[in-house]
Amino acid sequence: MTTETTTASLANEYFQIKRHGDMAVIIPSPEVEHLPDTVVNTAAQMVLAPLKSDPPTHLIIDLTGVRYFGSAFITFLLRCHLPVKQQGGELVLAGVNPRIRELLKTTALDTLWALYSTRREAMDALGGSD
């Protein structure tokens, strides 16, 4: 198995991307909580590649399955934010539990991204549909 194949399977294993017209939803697996930073960074590069080549207007990160994350995942979120913002769009977070809300509040990132309890709420707020 080549490094490229391994990296692609890492991205597919830990992140799902669903397109809904001009909106994209990234769904990280609960396992991202336990991945080494280097693996998160590598998988994140693979996830971001199609978003850079065909940028969505809006991006929802659905954190329903994630209980907590560290600095590498925060870096991933910021890297997702930039291309969407350059397109004049918005990145929002859905399925945010109280622990992640507290982390985002502590880092002041809750002022950068809107937080929604569910993916449906986030899609409705951005004017999309399932």
N, C-alpha and C. Protein backbone atom coordinates (compact mmCIF):
# COMPACT_ATOMS: atom_id res chain seq x y z
N MET A 1 0.85 -1.18 0.00
CA MET A 1 0.00 0.00 0.00
C MET A 1 0.90 1.24 0.00
N THR A 2 0.64 2.16 -0.89
CA THR A 2 1.46 3.37 -0.98
C THR A 2 1.07 4.35 0.12
N THR A 3 1.93 5.31 0.35
CA THR A 3 1.65 6.34 1.35
C THR A 3 0.39 7.11 0.96
N GLU A 4 0.24 7.39 -0.34
CA GLU A 4 -0.93 8.12 -0.81
C GLU A 4 -2.22 7.34 -0.52
N THR A 5 -2.20 6.03 -0.79
CA THR A 5 -3.36 5.19 -0.53
C THR A 5 -3.64 5.13 0.96
N THR A 6 -2.60 4.98 1.76
CA THR A 6 -2.76 4.95 3.21
C THR A 6 -3.37 6.25 3.71
N THR A 7 -2.88 7.37 3.22
CA THR A 7 -3.39 8.67 3.64
C THR A 7 -4.86 8.83 3.24
N ALA A 8 -5.20 8.43 2.02
CA ALA A 8 -6.58 8.53 1.57
C ALA A 8 -7.49 7.67 2.42
N SER A 9 -7.05 6.45 2.76
CA SER A 9 -7.89 5.59 3.58
C SER A 9 -8.03 6.16 4.99
N LEU A 10 -6.99 6.81 5.49
CA LEU A 10 -7.08 7.49 6.79
C LEU A 10 -8.16 8.57 6.76
N ALA A 11 -8.13 9.37 5.72
CA ALA A 11 -9.13 10.44 5.60
C ALA A 11 -10.53 9.85 5.52
N ASN A 12 -10.70 8.80 4.71
CA ASN A 12 -12.02 8.18 4.57
C ASN A 12 -12.47 7.49 5.84
N GLU A 13 -11.52 6.96 6.57
CA GLU A 13 -11.85 6.24 7.81
C GLU A 13 -12.29 7.20 8.91
N TYR A 14 -11.69 8.37 8.97
CA TYR A 14 -11.93 9.28 10.09
C TYR A 14 -12.79 10.49 9.76
N PHE A 15 -13.04 10.75 8.47
CA PHE A 15 -13.85 11.90 8.07
C PHE A 15 -14.77 11.52 6.91
N GLN A 16 -16.04 11.86 7.02
CA GLN A 16 -16.97 11.72 5.90
C GLN A 16 -17.27 13.12 5.39
N ILE A 17 -17.39 13.26 4.07
CA ILE A 17 -17.80 14.54 3.50
C ILE A 17 -19.06 14.30 2.69
N LYS A 18 -20.08 15.09 2.96
CA LYS A 18 -21.33 15.01 2.20
C LYS A 18 -21.60 16.37 1.61
N ARG A 19 -21.92 16.39 0.30
CA ARG A 19 -22.25 17.65 -0.36
C ARG A 19 -23.76 17.77 -0.48
N HIS A 20 -24.25 18.96 -0.23
CA HIS A 20 -25.67 19.31 -0.38
C HIS A 20 -25.69 20.60 -1.19
N GLY A 21 -25.61 20.49 -2.50
CA GLY A 21 -25.55 21.68 -3.34
C GLY A 21 -24.29 22.48 -3.06
N ASP A 22 -24.46 23.74 -2.67
CA ASP A 22 -23.29 24.59 -2.39
C ASP A 22 -22.86 24.50 -0.92
N MET A 23 -23.38 23.51 -0.22
CA MET A 23 -23.05 23.31 1.19
C MET A 23 -22.36 21.95 1.34
N ALA A 24 -21.37 21.88 2.22
CA ALA A 24 -20.71 20.61 2.51
C ALA A 24 -20.79 20.34 4.01
N VAL A 25 -20.88 19.07 4.34
CA VAL A 25 -20.90 18.65 5.74
C VAL A 25 -19.73 17.70 5.94
N ILE A 26 -18.89 18.01 6.93
CA ILE A 26 -17.80 17.11 7.30
C ILE A 26 -18.20 16.46 8.62
N ILE A 27 -18.13 15.13 8.63
CA ILE A 27 -18.51 14.38 9.82
C ILE A 27 -17.28 13.60 10.31
N PRO A 28 -16.63 14.12 11.35
CA PRO A 28 -15.48 13.39 11.89
C PRO A 28 -15.95 12.18 12.70
N SER A 29 -15.20 11.13 12.64
CA SER A 29 -15.46 9.93 13.41
C SER A 29 -15.10 10.18 14.89
N PRO A 30 -15.76 9.51 15.82
CA PRO A 30 -15.39 9.65 17.23
C PRO A 30 -13.92 9.33 17.49
N GLU A 31 -13.30 8.53 16.63
CA GLU A 31 -11.90 8.14 16.83
C GLU A 31 -10.93 9.31 16.70
N VAL A 32 -11.36 10.44 16.11
CA VAL A 32 -10.42 11.56 15.97
C VAL A 32 -9.94 12.05 17.33
N GLU A 33 -10.71 11.78 18.37
CA GLU A 33 -10.30 12.18 19.73
C GLU A 33 -9.00 11.51 20.15
N HIS A 34 -8.76 10.30 19.63
CA HIS A 34 -7.63 9.49 20.10
C HIS A 34 -6.47 9.41 19.11
N LEU A 35 -6.61 10.08 17.98
CA LEU A 35 -5.56 10.02 16.97
C LEU A 35 -4.38 10.91 17.33
N PRO A 36 -3.17 10.47 17.00
CA PRO A 36 -2.01 11.35 17.16
C PRO A 36 -2.16 12.58 16.26
N ASP A 37 -1.61 13.69 16.68
CA ASP A 37 -1.71 14.93 15.92
C ASP A 37 -1.26 14.76 14.47
N THR A 38 -0.19 14.00 14.25
CA THR A 38 0.32 13.83 12.88
C THR A 38 -0.71 13.14 11.99
N VAL A 39 -1.45 12.18 12.53
CA VAL A 39 -2.47 11.48 11.75
C VAL A 39 -3.63 12.43 11.46
N VAL A 40 -4.05 13.22 12.45
CA VAL A 40 -5.13 14.19 12.23
C VAL A 40 -4.71 15.17 11.14
N ASN A 41 -3.49 15.66 11.21
CA ASN A 41 -3.01 16.63 10.22
C ASN A 41 -2.97 16.02 8.82
N THR A 42 -2.49 14.79 8.70
CA THR A 42 -2.41 14.12 7.40
C THR A 42 -3.80 13.88 6.83
N ALA A 43 -4.70 13.34 7.66
CA ALA A 43 -6.07 13.08 7.21
C ALA A 43 -6.76 14.39 6.84
N ALA A 44 -6.51 15.43 7.61
CA ALA A 44 -7.12 16.74 7.35
C ALA A 44 -6.71 17.28 5.98
N GLN A 45 -5.46 17.08 5.60
CA GLN A 45 -5.00 17.54 4.28
C GLN A 45 -5.79 16.85 3.18
N MET A 46 -6.06 15.56 3.34
CA MET A 46 -6.82 14.81 2.34
C MET A 46 -8.28 15.26 2.30
N VAL A 47 -8.84 15.59 3.44
CA VAL A 47 -10.22 16.06 3.52
C VAL A 47 -10.35 17.43 2.87
N LEU A 48 -9.34 18.27 3.09
CA LEU A 48 -9.39 19.64 2.59
C LEU A 48 -9.15 19.74 1.08
N ALA A 49 -8.44 18.78 0.49
CA ALA A 49 -8.10 18.87 -0.93
C ALA A 49 -9.33 19.04 -1.83
N PRO A 50 -10.37 18.20 -1.72
CA PRO A 50 -11.53 18.41 -2.59
C PRO A 50 -12.29 19.70 -2.28
N LEU A 51 -12.22 20.15 -1.04
CA LEU A 51 -12.90 21.39 -0.67
C LEU A 51 -12.19 22.60 -1.29
N LYS A 52 -10.88 22.49 -1.46
CA LYS A 52 -10.14 23.59 -2.08
C LYS A 52 -10.36 23.61 -3.59
N SER A 53 -10.48 22.43 -4.19
CA SER A 53 -10.66 22.39 -5.65
C SER A 53 -12.09 22.75 -6.05
N ASP A 54 -13.07 22.47 -5.17
CA ASP A 54 -14.47 22.80 -5.43
C ASP A 54 -15.07 23.32 -4.13
N PRO A 55 -14.72 24.56 -3.76
CA PRO A 55 -15.11 25.08 -2.45
C PRO A 55 -16.62 25.24 -2.28
N PRO A 56 -17.14 24.76 -1.15
CA PRO A 56 -18.56 24.98 -0.87
C PRO A 56 -18.76 26.41 -0.40
N THR A 57 -19.97 26.91 -0.56
CA THR A 57 -20.28 28.23 -0.02
C THR A 57 -20.31 28.18 1.50
N HIS A 58 -20.92 27.13 2.02
CA HIS A 58 -21.01 26.96 3.48
C HIS A 58 -20.50 25.58 3.86
N LEU A 59 -19.93 25.50 5.06
CA LEU A 59 -19.39 24.24 5.55
C LEU A 59 -19.89 24.00 6.97
N ILE A 60 -20.44 22.82 7.17
CA ILE A 60 -20.90 22.40 8.50
C ILE A 60 -19.97 21.30 8.97
N ILE A 61 -19.42 21.45 10.16
CA ILE A 61 -18.66 20.37 10.78
C ILE A 61 -19.60 19.76 11.82
N ASP A 62 -20.01 18.52 11.58
CA ASP A 62 -20.95 17.84 12.47
C ASP A 62 -20.17 17.05 13.52
N LEU A 63 -20.17 17.57 14.74
CA LEU A 63 -19.39 16.98 15.83
C LEU A 63 -20.21 16.05 16.72
N THR A 64 -21.36 15.60 16.24
CA THR A 64 -22.26 14.77 17.04
C THR A 64 -21.54 13.59 17.69
N GLY A 65 -20.66 12.92 16.95
CA GLY A 65 -19.99 11.74 17.47
C GLY A 65 -18.71 12.02 18.24
N VAL A 66 -18.31 13.28 18.32
CA VAL A 66 -17.03 13.63 18.95
C VAL A 66 -17.29 14.23 20.33
N ARG A 67 -16.65 13.66 21.34
CA ARG A 67 -16.84 14.16 22.70
C ARG A 67 -15.86 15.27 23.05
N TYR A 68 -14.66 15.21 22.48
CA TYR A 68 -13.62 16.18 22.83
C TYR A 68 -12.56 16.14 21.74
N PHE A 69 -11.78 17.21 21.63
CA PHE A 69 -10.66 17.22 20.69
C PHE A 69 -9.59 18.17 21.19
N GLY A 70 -8.42 18.04 20.58
CA GLY A 70 -7.27 18.84 21.01
C GLY A 70 -6.85 19.85 19.96
N SER A 71 -5.63 20.32 20.11
CA SER A 71 -5.13 21.42 19.29
C SER A 71 -5.03 21.06 17.81
N ALA A 72 -4.69 19.81 17.48
CA ALA A 72 -4.58 19.44 16.06
C ALA A 72 -5.94 19.55 15.38
N PHE A 73 -7.00 19.19 16.08
CA PHE A 73 -8.33 19.30 15.49
C PHE A 73 -8.77 20.75 15.38
N ILE A 74 -8.38 21.56 16.35
CA ILE A 74 -8.67 23.00 16.26
C ILE A 74 -7.96 23.59 15.03
N THR A 75 -6.73 23.16 14.80
CA THR A 75 -6.00 23.61 13.61
C THR A 75 -6.74 23.17 12.34
N PHE A 76 -7.25 21.94 12.34
CA PHE A 76 -8.04 21.45 11.22
C PHE A 76 -9.26 22.35 10.98
N LEU A 77 -9.96 22.71 12.04
CA LEU A 77 -11.14 23.59 11.91
C LEU A 77 -10.75 24.94 11.31
N LEU A 78 -9.65 25.48 11.78
CA LEU A 78 -9.20 26.78 11.25
C LEU A 78 -8.80 26.66 9.79
N ARG A 79 -8.20 25.54 9.40
CA ARG A 79 -7.82 25.33 8.01
C ARG A 79 -9.05 25.15 7.12
N CYS A 80 -10.11 24.60 7.67
CA CYS A 80 -11.38 24.49 6.93
C CYS A 80 -12.03 25.86 6.79
N HIS A 81 -11.90 26.66 7.80
CA HIS A 81 -12.54 27.99 7.86
C HIS A 81 -12.04 28.92 6.76
N LEU A 82 -10.74 28.92 6.54
CA LEU A 82 -10.13 29.89 5.62
C LEU A 82 -10.68 29.83 4.20
N PRO A 83 -10.68 28.67 3.52
CA PRO A 83 -11.19 28.67 2.13
C PRO A 83 -12.68 29.02 2.05
N VAL A 84 -13.45 28.63 3.04
CA VAL A 84 -14.89 28.96 3.03
C VAL A 84 -15.07 30.46 3.19
N LYS A 85 -14.31 31.06 4.10
CA LYS A 85 -14.39 32.51 4.32
C LYS A 85 -13.96 33.27 3.07
N GLN A 86 -12.93 32.77 2.37
CA GLN A 86 -12.46 33.42 1.15
C GLN A 86 -13.52 33.38 0.05
N GLN A 87 -14.42 32.40 0.11
CA GLN A 87 -15.52 32.29 -0.84
C GLN A 87 -16.71 33.16 -0.42
N GLY A 88 -16.59 33.81 0.74
CA GLY A 88 -17.70 34.61 1.26
C GLY A 88 -18.73 33.78 1.98
N GLY A 89 -18.36 32.55 2.33
CA GLY A 89 -19.28 31.64 3.02
C GLY A 89 -19.05 31.61 4.51
N GLU A 90 -19.66 30.62 5.12
CA GLU A 90 -19.60 30.50 6.57
C GLU A 90 -19.34 29.06 6.97
N LEU A 91 -18.50 28.88 7.98
CA LEU A 91 -18.30 27.58 8.60
C LEU A 91 -19.06 27.60 9.91
N VAL A 92 -19.83 26.55 10.19
CA VAL A 92 -20.56 26.44 11.45
C VAL A 92 -20.31 25.05 12.02
N LEU A 93 -20.54 24.93 13.32
CA LEU A 93 -20.37 23.65 14.00
C LEU A 93 -21.71 23.15 14.47
N ALA A 94 -21.97 21.87 14.27
CA ALA A 94 -23.23 21.26 14.71
C ALA A 94 -22.92 20.10 15.65
N GLY A 95 -23.91 19.74 16.47
CA GLY A 95 -23.75 18.62 17.39
C GLY A 95 -22.71 18.89 18.46
N VAL A 96 -22.61 20.14 18.87
CA VAL A 96 -21.58 20.54 19.83
C VAL A 96 -22.05 20.24 21.25
N ASN A 97 -21.33 19.36 21.93
CA ASN A 97 -21.69 19.01 23.30
C ASN A 97 -21.16 20.06 24.29
N PRO A 98 -21.60 20.02 25.55
CA PRO A 98 -21.17 21.03 26.53
C PRO A 98 -19.66 21.10 26.73
N ARG A 99 -18.97 19.97 26.68
CA ARG A 99 -17.52 19.96 26.88
C ARG A 99 -16.80 20.72 25.75
N ILE A 100 -17.23 20.46 24.51
CA ILE A 100 -16.62 21.15 23.36
C ILE A 100 -17.01 22.63 23.37
N ARG A 101 -18.27 22.92 23.74
CA ARG A 101 -18.69 24.33 23.87
C ARG A 101 -17.77 25.09 24.83
N GLU A 102 -17.45 24.46 25.95
CA GLU A 102 -16.58 25.09 26.95
C GLU A 102 -15.19 25.33 26.37
N LEU A 103 -14.65 24.34 25.65
CA LEU A 103 -13.34 24.49 25.01
C LEU A 103 -13.36 25.65 24.02
N LEU A 104 -14.41 25.70 23.20
CA LEU A 104 -14.52 26.77 22.20
C LEU A 104 -14.68 28.13 22.87
N LYS A 105 -15.38 28.17 23.98
CA LYS A 105 -15.55 29.43 24.72
C LYS A 105 -14.22 29.86 25.32
N THR A 106 -13.49 28.92 25.90
CA THR A 106 -12.19 29.21 26.50
C THR A 106 -11.20 29.76 25.48
N THR A 107 -11.25 29.23 24.26
CA THR A 107 -10.34 29.66 23.20
C THR A 107 -10.90 30.81 22.37
N ALA A 108 -12.11 31.26 22.73
CA ALA A 108 -12.83 32.34 22.03
C ALA A 108 -13.20 31.97 20.60
N LEU A 109 -13.13 30.70 20.26
CA LEU A 109 -13.52 30.27 18.92
C LEU A 109 -15.04 30.24 18.76
N ASP A 110 -15.76 30.29 19.88
CA ASP A 110 -17.22 30.36 19.79
C ASP A 110 -17.67 31.70 19.21
N THR A 111 -16.76 32.65 19.15
CA THR A 111 -17.09 33.94 18.53
C THR A 111 -16.81 33.92 17.02
N LEU A 112 -16.05 32.91 16.57
CA LEU A 112 -15.70 32.78 15.16
C LEU A 112 -16.74 31.96 14.40
N TRP A 113 -17.27 30.93 15.07
CA TRP A 113 -18.21 30.02 14.43
C TRP A 113 -19.52 29.95 15.19
N ALA A 114 -20.62 29.91 14.45
CA ALA A 114 -21.92 29.68 15.08
C ALA A 114 -21.99 28.21 15.50
N LEU A 115 -22.62 27.96 16.64
CA LEU A 115 -22.75 26.61 17.17
C LEU A 115 -24.22 26.20 17.16
N TYR A 116 -24.48 25.00 16.67
CA TYR A 116 -25.85 24.48 16.59
C TYR A 116 -25.91 23.12 17.25
N SER A 117 -27.06 22.81 17.83
CA SER A 117 -27.24 21.53 18.51
C SER A 117 -27.30 20.36 17.53
N THR A 118 -27.85 20.60 16.34
CA THR A 118 -27.99 19.52 15.36
C THR A 118 -27.57 19.99 13.97
N ARG A 119 -27.27 19.02 13.11
CA ARG A 119 -26.94 19.32 11.71
C ARG A 119 -28.14 19.97 11.02
N ARG A 120 -29.34 19.49 11.33
CA ARG A 120 -30.57 20.04 10.73
C ARG A 120 -30.70 21.54 11.04
N GLU A 121 -30.47 21.92 12.32
CA GLU A 121 -30.51 23.34 12.70
C GLU A 121 -29.49 24.14 11.92
N ALA A 122 -28.30 23.61 11.78
CA ALA A 122 -27.23 24.31 11.05
C ALA A 122 -27.62 24.48 9.58
N MET A 123 -28.14 23.43 8.97
CA MET A 123 -28.53 23.51 7.56
C MET A 123 -29.67 24.51 7.38
N ASP A 124 -30.63 24.48 8.27
CA ASP A 124 -31.74 25.44 8.19
C ASP A 124 -31.23 26.88 8.31
N ALA A 125 -30.29 27.10 9.25
CA ALA A 125 -29.76 28.44 9.46
C ALA A 125 -29.00 28.95 8.24
N LEU A 126 -28.35 28.02 7.51
CA LEU A 126 -27.59 28.40 6.32
C LEU A 126 -28.44 28.38 5.06
N GLY A 127 -29.71 28.04 5.22
CA GLY A 127 -30.62 28.06 4.07
C GLY A 127 -30.56 26.83 3.21
N GLY A 128 -30.09 25.72 3.76
CA GLY A 128 -29.99 24.50 2.98
C GLY A 128 -31.07 23.51 3.35
N SER A 129 -31.03 22.38 2.66
CA SER A 129 -31.96 21.29 2.97
C SER A 129 -31.23 19.98 2.84
N ASP A 130 -31.75 18.95 3.49
CA ASP A 130 -31.12 17.63 3.45
C ASP A 130 -31.23 16.97 2.12
